[in-house]
Amino acid sequence: MEQRIIELDVREDLKNKIEPFQKIMEAIKELGANDIFILHAPFKPVPLFAVLKAKGFTHEEEELDKKHWKVTFTKKA
């Protein structure tokens, strides 16, 4: 089966005071083993790490700019 990659940028939502948690949960619900979810956020989304770890994801984070974090979540097999 082909690896799926879903990318979501929530920086604009957060700038407009829109809570992106539901959008994130909606994006990951279809992901299976070894699929990837890439999140772009204006800060390091530490609380999300534990939530997605509980759903079987590992993560790598990278600060691309002052207000741009890219976090790559991978669903464990």
Protein backbone atom coordinates (compact mmCIF):
# COMPACT_ATOMS: atom_id res chain seq x y z
CA MET A 1 0.00 0.00 0.00
CA GLU A 2 1.24 3.46 -0.88
CA GLN A 3 2.36 5.77 1.90
CA ARG A 4 -0.02 8.69 2.36
CA ILE A 5 1.19 12.15 3.28
CA ILE A 6 -1.19 14.78 4.61
CA GLU A 7 0.07 18.31 5.12
CA LEU A 8 -1.79 20.93 7.16
CA ASP A 9 -0.82 24.53 7.86
CA VAL A 10 -2.61 25.97 10.91
CA ARG A 11 -0.63 29.22 11.16
CA GLU A 12 -3.41 31.29 9.55
CA ASP A 13 -6.09 29.66 11.74
CA LEU A 14 -4.17 30.49 14.91
CA LYS A 15 -3.47 34.02 13.68
CA ASN A 16 -7.26 34.43 13.29
CA LYS A 17 -7.88 32.94 16.77
CA ILE A 18 -9.39 29.74 15.32
CA GLU A 19 -8.61 26.61 17.34
CA PRO A 20 -7.23 24.01 14.87
CA PHE A 21 -7.45 20.91 17.09
CA GLN A 22 -10.55 19.47 15.38
CA LYS A 23 -9.05 20.11 11.94
CA ILE A 24 -5.91 18.23 13.01
CA MET A 25 -7.89 15.29 14.43
CA GLU A 26 -9.95 15.15 11.23
CA ALA A 27 -6.79 15.12 9.10
CA ILE A 28 -5.15 12.20 10.94
CA LYS A 29 -8.17 9.93 11.36
CA GLU A 30 -7.73 8.24 7.97
CA LEU A 31 -3.99 7.62 8.35
CA GLY A 32 -2.66 4.09 8.60
CA ALA A 33 0.69 2.47 9.34
CA ASN A 34 3.71 4.44 8.10
CA ASP A 35 1.54 7.30 6.80
CA ILE A 36 2.82 10.82 7.45
CA PHE A 37 1.13 13.93 8.78
CA ILE A 38 3.04 17.20 8.36
CA LEU A 39 1.91 20.11 10.51
CA HIS A 40 2.97 23.73 10.07
CA ALA A 41 2.41 25.87 13.17
CA PRO A 42 3.61 29.25 14.52
CA PHE A 43 5.04 27.59 17.65
CA LYS A 44 6.27 24.19 18.78
CA PRO A 45 2.96 22.35 19.45
CA VAL A 46 4.19 20.43 22.50
CA PRO A 47 0.72 19.47 23.89
CA LEU A 48 -0.09 17.81 20.56
CA PHE A 49 2.93 15.50 20.84
CA ALA A 50 1.39 13.50 23.70
CA VAL A 51 -2.05 13.40 22.06
CA LEU A 52 -0.68 11.99 18.81
CA LYS A 53 1.76 9.68 20.58
CA ALA A 54 -1.27 8.10 22.27
CA LYS A 55 -2.72 7.58 18.77
CA GLY A 56 0.44 5.77 17.63
CA PHE A 57 2.51 8.55 16.08
CA THR A 58 6.18 9.43 16.44
CA HIS A 59 7.34 12.93 15.54
CA GLU A 60 10.26 15.04 14.39
CA GLU A 61 10.19 18.81 14.76
CA GLU A 62 12.05 21.52 12.91
CA GLU A 63 12.03 25.28 13.42
CA LEU A 64 12.04 26.74 9.91
CA ASP A 65 11.63 30.38 10.93
CA LYS A 66 10.86 32.50 13.97
CA LYS A 67 7.13 31.72 13.78
CA HIS A 68 7.17 28.61 11.62
CA TRP A 69 7.55 25.11 13.02
CA LYS A 70 7.25 22.04 10.83
CA VAL A 71 6.41 18.84 12.68
CA THR A 72 6.40 15.54 10.85
CA PHE A 73 4.30 12.84 12.52
CA THR A 74 4.65 9.25 11.36
CA LYS A 75 2.05 6.63 12.20
CA LYS A 76 3.78 3.55 13.65
CA ALA A 77 3.14 0.20 12.00
